[in-house]
Each structure stands twice: as C-alpha cells, then as structure tokens.
Amino acid sequence: MGGVSFDKLYDIYNILSDAKDKIGEHSREYLDAIESTKGGEKEKKLATQIITNFFKHFPTLQDQAVEAIIDICEDIDTTIQIAGLKALPSLCKDNNTYTGKVADILAQLLQLDDPQEYNIVCNSLMQLMQIDAKSVIKNLFRQINERDSDIRDKCLKFLLTKVKGMDKTIISPEVEDIIITETKNSLTSISGQEYVELINFLKSTRVSQSFTGQQDLVNIAVEKAELHKDFHPTEQNTQMDKLLTCIKLVIPYFSAKVDSTKFVIYICDKVLPNFEEIGKLEKGELLQLAILRQLAELSTNCGQLDNPSLYVVQIYQKLKDYMPPPPEDTTNITMPILEFSLVECLLYAFHRLARQCPDFLTHDQQVLKEFRARLTYFARGAQGCSKALSNLDVNNKTLTDEDKKTKTVAPKVLNNINTLIRDLFYHPPKYQCVVKLSFKTEETIAKTTPEKTTSPVGKRHTPITFESNGSGLQSKQSRTDGVQLYTPPSGKFSSTFSSRGRGRGARGRGNIRSWRK
C-alpha cells in the first residue's frame, strides 16, 4: 500500500479545488495523490481523478503523474483499469508532449479481450487523434511494422475502421501526408491481405487524385507483383494470385499519363507462354479468363513498347490456339466449341498493341492469308451463335435465368469480336475501331441490378467467394468485370479467386452450349 488514506485524499481534492491561483504551492499534496495510486481500490480511483483534474498545474510532477496513470491502466481490477484508460487522453490535452507515449500504450492495449475495455481504448485513441493525430498515426504504424507483434492486426483494424473516413478537421493535409508516407513504407514488407487493405486505405486519400499519386500506386503494385521474377504457375506458390490482385487494385488508375506497359510486357513475355499450365491449376479456366481480361484492359493504356512484335506475337499465338482453322472437309458443318470471351480479350489486346507494329500481319502474305482464314471461320461461328441467341424467347418458361442472362450479355461479346475482325480485313489491316469490352458493360449492369450467381448450363464452375479481409469487411466487386474475381483471404496471397468465367461457345448454328460466365 502507498500514499495516504481515502479521507486524506478527499481533503487533498478539496484543498486543490479551493487553492485557485495558489494551487502551485500544493505540490506536496499532488505528490501524495500520485503515491496513492498504489493504495486500495477507493484510493486508486480518487487519486486518478485528482491527478487528471489538476495535472496542468504541476508541470514538474507530470512525468510521475503519467507513469502513475499508466500503472493504473495495468491494474487487475477492471473498474480501476477503465478509470486509467479514460484519464490518459485528458493528460495529453493539457500537455500534448505525452501524446506519443500515451498513443503507444493505448495501441498496445488494443489487444485487450474484454469488449468494454477494448471500446474504451478505441475511444481514448480517437480522443488522442483530436489532440495530436500525427503522433497517433506514427505509433499505429510503428506497431503495424512490427512483424512479430501480436497487436499489429488490432492496430491495422483500428486504422482501417476508425481512422479511415475521419473528419477533415482531424485528418488535415499534414496528417494525410503522414498517412501516405507511412502506408507506402509499410507496403513493401506486409503480407498479401494486408497489402490489399492498405492499398484500399491509401486509395481513400488524395494520393489517388493526382497523376503523380496514381503513378506511385502503380509503382508499388509493380514492386509487390515482383515483375522481375520468372513466372511459375504452380499450386505451391502464389504468383498468380499476387499478379491478379496487384493489377486489380491499380487498374482504375491507368491512363494516357500513367501507362500499364510493365504489366503488359510481363503478361505477354512471362504469363502467356505458361497459359496451358495455368489452365491445369484448380479453377484454372477462371484464372485464364481473369488474366486475359486484365491484359485486355491493360492494353488500352500501354505505352510505346521497345520491340512490340516480341509481345504481339505471344497474343497472336494464343489467338491461333482459340481460333481454329477452317476444316479441310468442307462438307463438315459441325462447328467446334468456340471460346468467345477469351477471343474477345485476345483480339482486343492484339488490336491495341499491333498498331505499334502495323506490319506484323503484312510482312508475310501467307501469314495474313492463314490468319484471315481463321478469322473468317470464327466469324461464321459467331454469326451462328448470334442466330441461335436471337431465336431464344425470353418469355419461354423452360429457359433458365442463365439462358436469359446469356441472351443479354452474349451479343455484346459477339458484336465486339465482329467489329474487331472487320478492322483486320482491311487492306492493309486497320487498328482504328473503338469497342467497349463486354465485361466492362457487365460491371455497370451488376452494380445497378445485382443478380445471384448461378451455375451455367453445360460445364459447371462453382463461384468462388470469400471475405476480403480478416476483420469481416466484405470484398468489393471486381473493377474488371463487375463480379468478385480475386481477393486473397487473410494472411497471405492465396490460390483462390472469385470469378464468373467465360463466354459461351457454339457447336453448329443453332446449338448453344458452354457459355461460361
């Protein structure tokens, strides 16, 4: 036991209250109150009140007072501990030089299991934010950057749920600068899920509103995606997940001033040569579609390539894989299954990049002739599919919801393909038409009239969905196609994505099958 009795403390409280201008003469009494934080339950609570109320009047004893309140916060009695937690912000209000120290203590106390205590810690930190937001932010990130710390997840959660969206009177431009700097510094060493959360947090700041900031975000994504490494699509590593996720987070920021060249080069040079291996992964067909959709979008804002034909040829080879040559037996009227959604993406990317090497198709007339034969044959399949779709009666009760959805979406895919093919039949081929990728149209539809994901007719793929972070926040719709595509679960980049796959192919002119969405 330490300090004085409860009755004596009560007298001290009255003495200090009545002292007015002479309160500084009663440092002995204030010191007794500090010592009484080592007393019994009643003494601790009253001593805490005295220390808080008269803190500013005894600057020479403030260090001791702060330490005494910190000890109170560690008391085994919950009610005493709560009294201390509520007192800490008041001390900083009178002297903000203690804000950093107090913020550090409160950040560590975020790991408290008791819901009431945890909420009080959060409230105290919020009060500190109003006093000195810079110190609080720096201390939160210091804990987040402690890789082996048990409380880093709690601090990250507080940052994402409490700090994000705070009033601009608290998150001033100076505070936002600290948030941006600290977040950037943290992004290089954190795990996949935390990367997703912090990038989204960074995007809520003004960094995403300038071309310089957008370029910073892209540079961070390039570094995190490890584009300097070779690509090995195996179940044992997470390269595929990391690449898809990094692109997804920054794809809205590519423009004429922020180009996507590094990602385009990597996909063409490293990923497309391994395309078949990707298809062998779990849900590989969905991953194949995801990467081609991203390639199509990225190609829109690709900068000048040093040797464009090196990359265009990779897309060209994939187009040949999915655009079969016409059969030698002209009596054969059976059309193979055609992957319209994949071809739309590949044709679009080819059309965008080949304009950088317009002689790619014309330098060898035999190459052009053979490619146009494939284009013609594929266009026939597209026309057959269009005809079959036009014969679908949406009022037919036997049609599934998926069939009705197909009738809405499929024509956009087929129209894009036909438009792109027409450009390639000019002499010489042109690269002038402008099309809107069908899955970008789907994104708009999905946002206005969300529909329940169902398994398609034909080959079935189970939709993959999961929460976007460990704190219960639901993942946002993909910026690439309006559906959840690929958001890693908590802790690391995973090999699981959420997607609705492909376009429906056609066998013959009237039989619709396997339009995978």
Protein backbone atom coordinates (compact mmCIF):
# COMPACT_ATOMS: atom_id res chain seq x y z
CA MET A 1 0.00 0.00 0.00
CA GLY A 2 1.20 3.54 -0.69
CA GLY A 3 0.10 7.16 -0.42
CA VAL A 4 -2.46 8.44 2.02
CA SER A 5 -5.88 7.29 3.19
CA PHE A 6 -9.08 7.85 1.26
CA ASP A 7 -10.23 10.55 3.71
CA LYS A 8 -6.91 12.36 3.40
CA LEU A 9 -7.19 12.15 -0.40
CA TYR A 10 -10.63 13.68 -0.18
CA ASP A 11 -9.18 16.56 1.83
CA ILE A 12 -6.42 16.97 -0.78
CA TYR A 13 -9.04 17.19 -3.50
CA ASN A 14 -10.81 19.98 -1.61
CA ILE A 15 -7.54 21.82 -0.91
CA LEU A 16 -6.53 21.78 -4.57
CA SER A 17 -10.01 22.81 -5.69
CA ASP A 18 -10.04 25.81 -3.35
CA ALA A 19 -6.43 26.88 -3.93
CA LYS A 20 -7.17 28.73 -7.18
CA ASP A 21 -4.16 30.93 -8.10
CA LYS A 22 -2.06 29.44 -5.30
CA ILE A 23 -2.54 25.84 -6.40
CA GLY A 24 1.12 25.58 -7.41
CA GLU A 25 2.07 25.84 -3.75
CA HIS A 26 0.49 22.47 -3.03
CA SER A 27 2.88 20.17 -4.89
CA ARG A 28 3.25 18.05 -1.74
CA GLU A 29 -0.46 17.27 -1.75
CA TYR A 30 -0.41 16.48 -5.51
CA LEU A 31 2.55 14.15 -4.98
CA ASP A 32 0.61 12.37 -2.22
CA ALA A 33 -2.17 11.77 -4.74
CA ILE A 34 0.32 10.29 -7.18
CA GLU A 35 1.66 7.97 -4.49
CA SER A 36 -1.90 6.93 -3.63
CA THR A 37 -2.27 5.15 -6.98
CA LYS A 38 -0.52 2.32 -5.16
CA GLY A 39 -3.22 2.22 -2.49
CA GLY A 40 -6.54 0.41 -2.25
CA GLU A 41 -9.40 0.38 -4.73
CA LYS A 42 -11.07 3.57 -3.47
CA GLU A 43 -7.76 5.40 -3.15
CA LYS A 44 -6.72 4.47 -6.70
CA LYS A 45 -9.92 5.77 -8.23
CA LEU A 46 -9.89 9.06 -6.32
CA ALA A 47 -6.15 9.54 -6.89
CA THR A 48 -6.73 9.06 -10.64
CA GLN A 49 -9.38 11.76 -10.57
CA ILE A 50 -7.12 14.18 -8.67
CA ILE A 51 -4.15 13.57 -10.99
CA THR A 52 -6.32 14.19 -14.07
CA ASN A 53 -8.12 17.28 -12.83
CA PHE A 54 -5.04 19.15 -11.62
CA PHE A 55 -2.40 17.77 -13.99
CA LYS A 56 -1.67 21.05 -15.81
CA HIS A 57 -0.86 22.90 -12.57
CA PHE A 58 2.15 20.75 -11.64
CA PRO A 59 4.49 20.57 -14.64
CA THR A 60 7.44 19.32 -12.59
CA LEU A 61 5.42 16.29 -11.45
CA GLN A 62 3.83 15.44 -14.79
CA ASP A 63 6.26 12.65 -15.66
CA GLN A 64 5.47 10.91 -12.38
CA ALA A 65 1.75 11.53 -12.87
CA VAL A 66 1.72 9.98 -16.33
CA GLU A 67 3.62 6.91 -15.13
CA ALA A 68 1.17 6.54 -12.24
CA ILE A 69 -1.83 6.57 -14.60
CA ILE A 70 -0.13 4.05 -16.89
CA ASP A 71 0.27 1.76 -13.86
CA ILE A 72 -3.44 2.25 -13.14
CA CYS A 73 -4.20 1.11 -16.71
CA GLU A 74 -2.48 -2.19 -15.93
CA ASP A 75 -4.39 -2.83 -12.72
CA ILE A 76 -6.01 -6.24 -12.32
CA ASP A 77 -9.28 -4.61 -11.28
CA THR A 78 -11.26 -3.81 -14.43
CA THR A 79 -13.02 -0.78 -12.97
CA ILE A 80 -9.70 0.76 -11.92
CA GLN A 81 -8.15 -0.04 -15.28
CA ILE A 82 -11.05 1.64 -17.08
CA ALA A 83 -10.60 4.76 -14.93
CA GLY A 84 -6.98 4.93 -16.03
CA LEU A 85 -7.81 4.41 -19.71
CA LYS A 86 -10.28 7.27 -19.62
CA ALA A 87 -7.76 9.53 -17.86
CA LEU A 88 -4.90 9.19 -20.36
CA PRO A 89 -6.31 11.42 -23.14
CA SER A 90 -7.07 14.16 -20.60
CA LEU A 91 -3.40 14.30 -19.61
CA CYS A 92 -2.41 14.80 -23.25
CA LYS A 93 -4.99 17.52 -23.68
CA ASP A 94 -3.15 19.53 -21.04
CA ASN A 95 0.32 18.64 -22.39
CA ASN A 96 0.49 17.07 -25.84
CA THR A 97 4.17 16.19 -25.46
CA TYR A 98 2.92 12.97 -23.89
CA THR A 99 0.71 12.03 -26.84
CA GLY A 100 3.27 9.75 -28.47
CA LYS A 101 3.90 7.84 -25.26
CA VAL A 102 0.20 7.54 -24.47
CA ALA A 103 -0.66 6.54 -28.04
CA ASP A 104 1.94 3.78 -27.84
CA ILE A 105 0.46 2.47 -24.59
CA LEU A 106 -3.10 2.56 -25.92
CA ALA A 107 -2.06 0.88 -29.18
CA GLN A 108 -0.64 -1.99 -27.20
CA LEU A 109 -3.81 -2.17 -25.11
CA LEU A 110 -5.90 -2.75 -28.26
CA GLN A 111 -5.22 -6.43 -27.68
CA LEU A 112 -7.45 -6.44 -24.58
CA ASP A 113 -10.03 -9.20 -24.82
CA ASP A 114 -12.77 -7.58 -22.77
CA PRO A 115 -15.15 -5.80 -25.21
CA GLN A 116 -15.82 -2.94 -22.79
CA GLU A 117 -12.14 -2.30 -22.18
CA TYR A 118 -11.38 -2.57 -25.90
CA ASN A 119 -14.04 0.01 -26.75
CA ILE A 120 -12.70 2.41 -24.14
CA VAL A 121 -9.19 2.05 -25.56
CA CYS A 122 -10.58 2.84 -29.02
CA ASN A 123 -12.44 5.87 -27.68
CA SER A 124 -9.31 7.10 -25.93
CA LEU A 125 -7.29 6.75 -29.12
CA MET A 126 -9.98 8.66 -31.00
CA GLN A 127 -9.72 11.45 -28.41
CA LEU A 128 -5.96 11.47 -28.90
CA MET A 129 -6.49 11.79 -32.65
CA GLN A 130 -8.24 15.09 -31.97
CA ILE A 131 -5.31 16.27 -29.87
CA ASP A 132 -2.32 15.11 -31.95
CA ALA A 133 -3.27 12.90 -34.89
CA LYS A 134 0.29 12.81 -36.23
CA SER A 135 1.66 11.09 -33.14
CA VAL A 136 -1.19 8.58 -33.05
CA ILE A 137 -0.74 7.66 -36.73
CA LYS A 138 3.01 7.21 -36.36
CA ASN A 139 2.60 4.97 -33.33
CA LEU A 140 -0.06 2.85 -35.01
CA PHE A 141 2.23 2.26 -37.98
CA ARG A 142 5.14 1.52 -35.70
CA GLN A 143 3.13 -1.34 -34.26
CA ILE A 144 1.93 -2.43 -37.71
CA ASN A 145 5.53 -2.64 -38.91
CA GLU A 146 6.47 -4.92 -36.02
CA ARG A 147 6.33 -8.21 -37.90
CA ASP A 148 6.24 -10.42 -34.79
CA SER A 149 3.89 -8.25 -32.78
CA ASP A 150 0.64 -9.78 -31.56
CA ILE A 151 -1.11 -6.43 -31.70
CA ARG A 152 -0.30 -5.42 -35.30
CA ASP A 153 -3.62 -6.80 -36.58
CA LYS A 154 -5.50 -4.82 -33.94
CA CYS A 155 -3.70 -1.62 -34.90
CA LEU A 156 -4.36 -2.25 -38.58
CA LYS A 157 -8.03 -2.85 -37.86
CA PHE A 158 -8.23 0.39 -35.88
CA LEU A 159 -6.56 2.27 -38.71
CA LEU A 160 -8.93 0.86 -41.33
CA THR A 161 -12.17 1.08 -39.36
CA LYS A 162 -11.70 4.15 -37.16
CA VAL A 163 -9.14 6.44 -38.79
CA LYS A 164 -10.32 5.93 -42.36
CA GLY A 165 -13.15 8.35 -43.04
CA MET A 166 -12.46 10.64 -40.09
CA ASP A 167 -13.44 14.28 -40.43
CA LYS A 168 -11.08 16.51 -42.41
CA THR A 169 -10.73 18.76 -39.38
CA ILE A 170 -8.75 15.89 -37.82
CA ILE A 171 -7.19 14.35 -40.94
CA SER A 172 -5.64 17.58 -42.14
CA PRO A 173 -3.38 17.69 -45.24
CA GLU A 174 -0.35 17.39 -42.93
CA VAL A 175 -1.81 14.31 -41.22
CA GLU A 176 -2.75 12.83 -44.57
CA ASP A 177 0.85 13.30 -45.74
CA ILE A 178 1.99 11.19 -42.79
CA ILE A 179 -0.63 8.54 -43.53
CA ILE A 180 0.50 8.37 -47.17
CA THR A 181 4.20 8.20 -46.27
CA GLU A 182 3.75 5.61 -43.52
CA THR A 183 1.48 3.46 -45.67
CA LYS A 184 3.93 3.46 -48.57
CA ASN A 185 6.76 2.49 -46.24
CA SER A 186 4.71 -0.40 -44.86
CA LEU A 187 3.58 -1.81 -48.21
CA THR A 188 6.93 -3.34 -49.13
CA SER A 189 7.08 -5.80 -46.23
CA ILE A 190 3.49 -6.79 -45.46
CA SER A 191 1.54 -9.90 -46.42
CA GLY A 192 -0.93 -10.14 -49.28
CA GLN A 193 -4.15 -9.49 -47.39
CA GLU A 194 -2.67 -6.55 -45.53
CA TYR A 195 -1.41 -5.20 -48.85
CA VAL A 196 -4.95 -5.23 -50.21
CA GLU A 197 -6.30 -3.47 -47.14
CA LEU A 198 -3.60 -0.79 -47.02
CA ILE A 199 -3.76 -0.07 -50.74
CA ASN A 200 -7.51 0.44 -50.42
CA PHE A 201 -6.83 2.67 -47.42
CA LEU A 202 -4.26 4.63 -49.42
CA LYS A 203 -6.73 4.99 -52.27
CA SER A 204 -9.09 6.78 -49.87
CA THR A 205 -6.55 9.59 -49.50
CA ARG A 206 -5.78 12.30 -52.01
CA VAL A 207 -2.89 10.22 -53.39
CA SER A 208 -5.29 8.67 -55.90
CA GLN A 209 -6.46 12.08 -57.12
CA SER A 210 -3.25 13.13 -58.88
CA PHE A 211 -1.30 11.53 -61.70
CA THR A 212 1.80 11.52 -59.50
CA GLY A 213 -0.04 9.68 -56.75
CA GLN A 214 -1.58 7.23 -59.21
CA GLN A 215 1.88 6.51 -60.61
CA ASP A 216 3.07 5.87 -57.06
CA LEU A 217 0.28 3.34 -56.58
CA VAL A 218 1.22 1.62 -59.83
CA ASN A 219 4.90 1.54 -58.86
CA ILE A 220 4.00 -0.07 -55.55
CA ALA A 221 1.91 -2.69 -57.37
CA VAL A 222 4.76 -3.40 -59.79
CA GLU A 223 7.13 -3.96 -56.89
CA LYS A 224 4.66 -6.13 -54.97
CA ALA A 225 3.87 -8.24 -58.04
CA GLU A 226 7.60 -8.98 -58.40
CA LEU A 227 7.66 -8.50 -62.15
CA HIS A 228 11.42 -9.00 -62.11
CA LYS A 229 10.91 -12.71 -61.39
CA ASP A 230 10.09 -15.51 -63.79
CA PHE A 231 6.54 -16.79 -63.76
CA HIS A 232 5.86 -20.28 -62.43
CA PRO A 233 2.13 -21.07 -62.19
CA THR A 234 2.07 -23.85 -59.62
CA GLU A 235 -0.27 -24.67 -56.78
CA GLN A 236 2.62 -24.37 -54.35
CA ASN A 237 3.28 -20.66 -54.89
CA THR A 238 1.08 -17.63 -55.06
CA GLN A 239 2.46 -15.75 -58.06
CA MET A 240 -0.79 -15.96 -59.99
CA ASP A 241 -2.82 -14.63 -57.10
CA LYS A 242 -0.37 -11.86 -56.39
CA LEU A 243 -0.25 -10.72 -60.01
CA LEU A 244 -4.03 -10.68 -60.45
CA THR A 245 -4.56 -8.88 -57.17
CA CYS A 246 -1.89 -6.24 -57.72
CA ILE A 247 -3.28 -5.43 -61.18
CA LYS A 248 -6.86 -5.38 -59.93
CA LEU A 249 -6.08 -2.80 -57.25
CA VAL A 250 -4.47 -0.29 -59.62
CA ILE A 251 -6.20 -0.91 -62.95
CA PRO A 252 -8.56 2.07 -62.45
CA TYR A 253 -5.57 4.42 -62.43
CA PHE A 254 -4.01 3.60 -65.79
CA SER A 255 -4.38 6.39 -68.30
CA ALA A 256 -2.54 8.25 -71.04
CA LYS A 257 -0.33 9.72 -68.30
CA VAL A 258 0.01 6.55 -66.18
CA ASP A 259 0.81 3.69 -68.52
CA SER A 260 0.46 -0.03 -67.96
CA THR A 261 3.48 -1.04 -70.04
CA LYS A 262 5.34 -3.05 -67.37
CA PHE A 263 2.34 -5.26 -66.66
CA VAL A 264 1.59 -5.75 -70.36
CA ILE A 265 5.18 -6.80 -71.05
CA TYR A 266 5.16 -9.22 -68.12
CA ILE A 267 1.89 -10.89 -69.11
CA CYS A 268 2.93 -11.24 -72.75
CA ASP A 269 6.51 -12.26 -72.05
CA LYS A 270 6.09 -14.44 -68.94
CA VAL A 271 2.46 -15.40 -68.40
CA LEU A 272 1.09 -16.23 -71.86
CA PRO A 273 3.84 -18.79 -72.58
CA ASN A 274 2.62 -20.61 -69.45
CA PHE A 275 -1.07 -20.30 -70.31
CA GLU A 276 -1.69 -24.04 -70.58
CA GLU A 277 -0.07 -24.60 -67.19
CA ILE A 278 -2.40 -22.01 -65.66
CA GLY A 279 -5.34 -23.99 -67.03
CA LYS A 280 -4.17 -27.05 -65.08
CA LEU A 281 -4.43 -25.25 -61.75
CA GLU A 282 -7.50 -25.52 -59.58
CA LYS A 283 -10.17 -23.40 -61.30
CA GLY A 284 -7.54 -22.77 -63.94
CA GLU A 285 -10.04 -21.81 -66.63
CA LEU A 286 -11.31 -18.99 -64.46
CA LEU A 287 -7.76 -17.83 -63.86
CA GLN A 288 -7.08 -17.88 -67.59
CA LEU A 289 -10.08 -15.69 -68.25
CA ALA A 290 -9.14 -13.36 -65.38
CA ILE A 291 -5.64 -12.74 -66.73
CA LEU A 292 -6.88 -12.21 -70.29
CA ARG A 293 -9.49 -9.73 -69.13
CA GLN A 294 -6.77 -7.83 -67.33
CA LEU A 295 -4.49 -7.97 -70.37
CA ALA A 296 -7.28 -6.52 -72.49
CA GLU A 297 -7.83 -3.65 -70.07
CA LEU A 298 -4.12 -3.03 -69.62
CA SER A 299 -3.52 -2.91 -73.35
CA THR A 300 -5.74 0.18 -73.58
CA ASN A 301 -3.12 2.29 -71.82
CA CYS A 302 0.06 0.51 -72.79
CA GLY A 303 2.89 2.89 -73.61
CA GLN A 304 5.32 2.59 -76.50
CA LEU A 305 7.00 -0.82 -76.49
CA ASP A 306 10.67 -1.05 -77.45
CA ASN A 307 10.09 -4.07 -79.66
CA PRO A 308 6.31 -4.54 -79.87
CA SER A 309 6.38 -7.55 -82.18
CA LEU A 310 8.03 -9.60 -79.41
CA TYR A 311 4.89 -9.23 -77.30
CA VAL A 312 2.26 -9.09 -80.03
CA VAL A 313 3.42 -12.48 -81.31
CA GLN A 314 2.55 -14.07 -77.93
CA ILE A 315 -1.03 -12.77 -78.19
CA TYR A 316 -1.16 -13.85 -81.84
CA GLN A 317 -0.14 -17.41 -80.94
CA LYS A 318 -2.86 -17.57 -78.29
CA LEU A 319 -5.41 -16.28 -80.79
CA LYS A 320 -4.48 -19.11 -83.12
CA ASP A 321 -4.99 -21.57 -80.25
CA TYR A 322 -8.56 -20.34 -79.76
CA MET A 323 -9.43 -19.55 -83.38
CA PRO A 324 -9.32 -22.89 -85.22
CA PRO A 325 -8.56 -23.05 -88.95
CA PRO A 326 -11.45 -23.99 -91.26
CA PRO A 327 -11.77 -27.77 -91.77
CA GLU A 328 -10.30 -29.31 -94.89
CA ASP A 329 -13.55 -31.25 -95.34
CA THR A 330 -15.94 -28.51 -96.46
CA THR A 331 -18.91 -30.86 -96.07
CA ASN A 332 -18.39 -30.86 -92.31
CA ILE A 333 -20.99 -28.48 -90.89
CA THR A 334 -20.19 -29.14 -87.22
CA MET A 335 -18.54 -26.17 -85.59
CA PRO A 336 -16.09 -26.82 -82.72
CA ILE A 337 -16.69 -25.21 -79.34
CA LEU A 338 -15.55 -21.62 -79.59
CA GLU A 339 -14.32 -19.61 -76.61
CA PHE A 340 -15.83 -16.24 -77.42
CA SER A 341 -14.97 -14.48 -74.16
CA LEU A 342 -11.31 -15.47 -74.37
CA VAL A 343 -11.12 -14.48 -78.02
CA GLU A 344 -12.74 -11.11 -77.33
CA CYS A 345 -9.96 -10.32 -74.82
CA LEU A 346 -7.17 -11.59 -77.06
CA LEU A 347 -8.50 -9.83 -80.16
CA TYR A 348 -8.87 -6.58 -78.26
CA ALA A 349 -5.32 -6.77 -76.85
CA PHE A 350 -3.94 -7.72 -80.27
CA HIS A 351 -5.84 -4.86 -81.90
CA ARG A 352 -4.48 -2.36 -79.36
CA LEU A 353 -0.84 -3.48 -79.41
CA ALA A 354 -0.44 -4.43 -83.06
CA ARG A 355 -0.92 -0.79 -84.04
CA GLN A 356 2.61 -0.32 -82.68
CA CYS A 357 3.88 -2.76 -85.34
CA PRO A 358 1.35 -2.46 -88.20
CA ASP A 359 3.45 -4.65 -90.50
CA PHE A 360 3.11 -7.62 -88.14
CA LEU A 361 0.43 -9.24 -90.30
CA THR A 362 1.52 -7.87 -93.67
CA HIS A 363 5.22 -8.69 -93.70
CA ASP A 364 4.33 -12.21 -94.82
CA GLN A 365 1.26 -12.51 -97.03
CA GLN A 366 0.94 -16.22 -96.26
CA VAL A 367 0.69 -15.43 -92.56
CA LEU A 368 -2.01 -12.85 -93.27
CA LYS A 369 -3.92 -15.24 -95.52
CA GLU A 370 -3.85 -18.06 -92.99
CA PHE A 371 -4.90 -15.74 -90.13
CA ARG A 372 -7.77 -14.29 -92.12
CA ALA A 373 -9.00 -17.81 -92.86
CA ARG A 374 -9.21 -18.37 -89.12
CA LEU A 375 -10.93 -15.04 -88.63
CA THR A 376 -13.49 -15.88 -91.30
CA TYR A 377 -14.20 -19.30 -89.85
CA PHE A 378 -14.53 -17.87 -86.34
CA ALA A 379 -16.83 -15.12 -87.59
CA ARG A 380 -19.08 -17.83 -89.06
CA GLY A 381 -19.31 -19.43 -85.63
CA ALA A 382 -20.12 -16.06 -84.07
CA GLN A 383 -22.88 -15.50 -86.62
CA GLY A 384 -24.30 -18.95 -85.92
CA CYS A 385 -24.30 -18.27 -82.21
CA SER A 386 -25.95 -14.89 -82.75
CA LYS A 387 -28.69 -16.52 -84.79
CA ALA A 388 -29.28 -19.14 -82.11
CA LEU A 389 -29.45 -16.46 -79.43
CA SER A 390 -31.92 -14.41 -81.45
CA ASN A 391 -34.23 -17.41 -81.54
CA LEU A 392 -34.33 -17.60 -77.75
CA ASP A 393 -37.66 -16.46 -76.39
CA VAL A 394 -37.01 -14.83 -73.03
CA ASN A 395 -40.66 -15.44 -72.11
CA ASN A 396 -40.23 -19.17 -72.57
CA LYS A 397 -40.77 -20.68 -69.13
CA THR A 398 -38.38 -23.54 -69.88
CA LEU A 399 -35.43 -21.14 -70.14
CA THR A 400 -33.24 -20.82 -67.10
CA ASP A 401 -32.19 -17.48 -65.67
CA GLU A 402 -28.72 -18.22 -67.00
CA ASP A 403 -30.06 -18.62 -70.53
CA LYS A 404 -31.88 -15.31 -70.24
CA LYS A 405 -28.74 -13.63 -68.97
CA THR A 406 -26.79 -15.13 -71.85
CA LYS A 407 -29.21 -13.57 -74.35
CA THR A 408 -28.41 -10.18 -72.79
CA VAL A 409 -24.64 -10.45 -72.45
CA ALA A 410 -23.58 -12.65 -75.36
CA PRO A 411 -24.49 -10.24 -78.17
CA LYS A 412 -22.08 -7.67 -76.72
CA VAL A 413 -19.23 -10.18 -76.82
CA LEU A 414 -20.08 -11.27 -80.37
CA ASN A 415 -20.52 -7.72 -81.60
CA ASN A 416 -17.10 -6.74 -80.26
CA ILE A 417 -15.48 -9.72 -81.96
CA ASN A 418 -17.12 -8.94 -85.29
CA THR A 419 -16.15 -5.26 -85.07
CA LEU A 420 -12.51 -6.10 -84.36
CA ILE A 421 -12.40 -8.73 -87.11
CA ARG A 422 -13.75 -6.24 -89.66
CA ASP A 423 -10.82 -3.93 -88.96
CA LEU A 424 -8.38 -6.75 -89.64
CA PHE A 425 -9.91 -7.42 -93.09
CA TYR A 426 -8.99 -4.03 -94.48
CA HIS A 427 -6.08 -3.89 -96.93
CA PRO A 428 -3.83 -3.33 -95.07
CA PRO A 429 -5.41 -4.19 -91.68
CA LYS A 430 -6.58 -1.19 -89.68
CA TYR A 431 -6.46 -0.66 -85.95
CA GLN A 432 -8.97 2.15 -85.65
CA CYS A 433 -12.28 0.88 -84.30
CA VAL A 434 -13.21 1.56 -80.69
CA VAL A 435 -15.10 -1.08 -78.70
CA LYS A 436 -16.16 -1.28 -75.10
CA LEU A 437 -15.17 -4.58 -73.56
CA SER A 438 -18.27 -6.62 -72.82
CA PHE A 439 -17.31 -7.41 -69.26
CA LYS A 440 -16.98 -3.69 -68.53
CA THR A 441 -20.61 -3.37 -69.65
CA GLU A 442 -21.47 -6.26 -67.34
CA GLU A 443 -19.88 -4.31 -64.49
CA THR A 444 -22.38 -1.49 -64.95
CA ILE A 445 -25.28 -3.93 -65.08
CA ALA A 446 -24.09 -5.74 -61.98
CA LYS A 447 -23.86 -2.53 -59.98
CA THR A 448 -27.39 -1.43 -60.83
CA THR A 449 -29.16 -4.77 -60.77
CA PRO A 450 -27.11 -7.30 -58.80
CA GLU A 451 -28.07 -10.87 -59.54
CA LYS A 452 -27.49 -14.07 -57.71
CA THR A 453 -24.63 -16.05 -59.21
CA THR A 454 -25.81 -19.36 -60.60
CA SER A 455 -24.03 -22.25 -62.22
CA PRO A 456 -24.25 -22.11 -66.01
CA VAL A 457 -25.65 -24.65 -68.40
CA GLY A 458 -23.02 -27.07 -69.65
CA LYS A 459 -19.74 -27.34 -67.80
CA ARG A 460 -20.26 -26.04 -64.30
CA HIS A 461 -17.90 -23.92 -62.26
CA THR A 462 -18.53 -23.22 -58.62
CA PRO A 463 -18.32 -19.46 -57.92
CA ILE A 464 -15.51 -18.61 -55.57
CA THR A 465 -16.29 -16.05 -52.91
CA PHE A 466 -14.80 -15.06 -49.61
CA GLU A 467 -14.33 -12.08 -47.34
CA SER A 468 -11.78 -9.53 -48.37
CA ASN A 469 -10.10 -9.28 -45.01
CA GLY A 470 -9.78 -10.82 -41.62
CA SER A 471 -11.84 -8.15 -39.91
CA GLY A 472 -15.10 -9.05 -41.58
CA LEU A 473 -15.16 -6.41 -44.30
CA GLN A 474 -16.77 -7.84 -47.42
CA SER A 475 -14.78 -7.79 -50.65
CA LYS A 476 -15.78 -5.21 -53.24
CA GLN A 477 -16.90 -6.08 -56.73
CA SER A 478 -14.05 -6.50 -59.15
CA ARG A 479 -13.16 -3.41 -61.10
CA THR A 480 -12.58 -5.61 -64.14
CA ASP A 481 -15.85 -7.41 -64.65
CA GLY A 482 -18.40 -6.46 -62.02
CA VAL A 483 -18.12 -9.70 -60.08
CA GLN A 484 -15.81 -10.88 -57.32
CA LEU A 485 -12.75 -12.17 -59.11
CA TYR A 486 -9.71 -12.46 -56.97
CA THR A 487 -9.23 -11.19 -53.46
CA PRO A 488 -6.80 -13.13 -51.27
CA PRO A 489 -8.03 -14.27 -47.86
CA SER A 490 -6.37 -13.03 -44.70
CA GLY A 491 -2.73 -13.68 -44.02
CA LYS A 492 -1.25 -14.16 -47.49
CA PHE A 493 -1.93 -14.29 -51.17
CA SER A 494 -3.90 -17.49 -51.74
CA SER A 495 -4.51 -19.63 -54.79
CA THR A 496 -8.24 -18.99 -54.65
CA PHE A 497 -10.21 -16.39 -56.56
CA SER A 498 -13.80 -15.41 -57.09
CA SER A 499 -14.95 -15.23 -60.68
CA ARG A 500 -17.54 -16.00 -63.21
CA GLY A 501 -15.77 -17.47 -66.18
CA ARG A 502 -16.12 -17.47 -69.89
CA GLY A 503 -18.19 -16.83 -72.93
CA ARG A 504 -20.40 -19.47 -74.44
CA GLY A 505 -19.19 -21.28 -77.49
CA ALA A 506 -21.28 -22.67 -80.33
CA ARG A 507 -21.42 -26.04 -81.98
CA GLY A 508 -23.19 -25.72 -85.30
CA ARG A 509 -25.51 -22.82 -85.98
CA GLY A 510 -28.36 -23.48 -83.63
CA ASN A 511 -26.96 -25.35 -80.65
CA ILE A 512 -25.85 -23.09 -77.79
CA ARG A 513 -23.57 -24.60 -75.20
CA SER A 514 -20.90 -23.86 -72.66
CA TRP A 515 -21.27 -20.08 -72.38
CA ARG A 516 -19.30 -19.90 -69.18
CA LYS A 517 -19.91 -16.72 -67.22
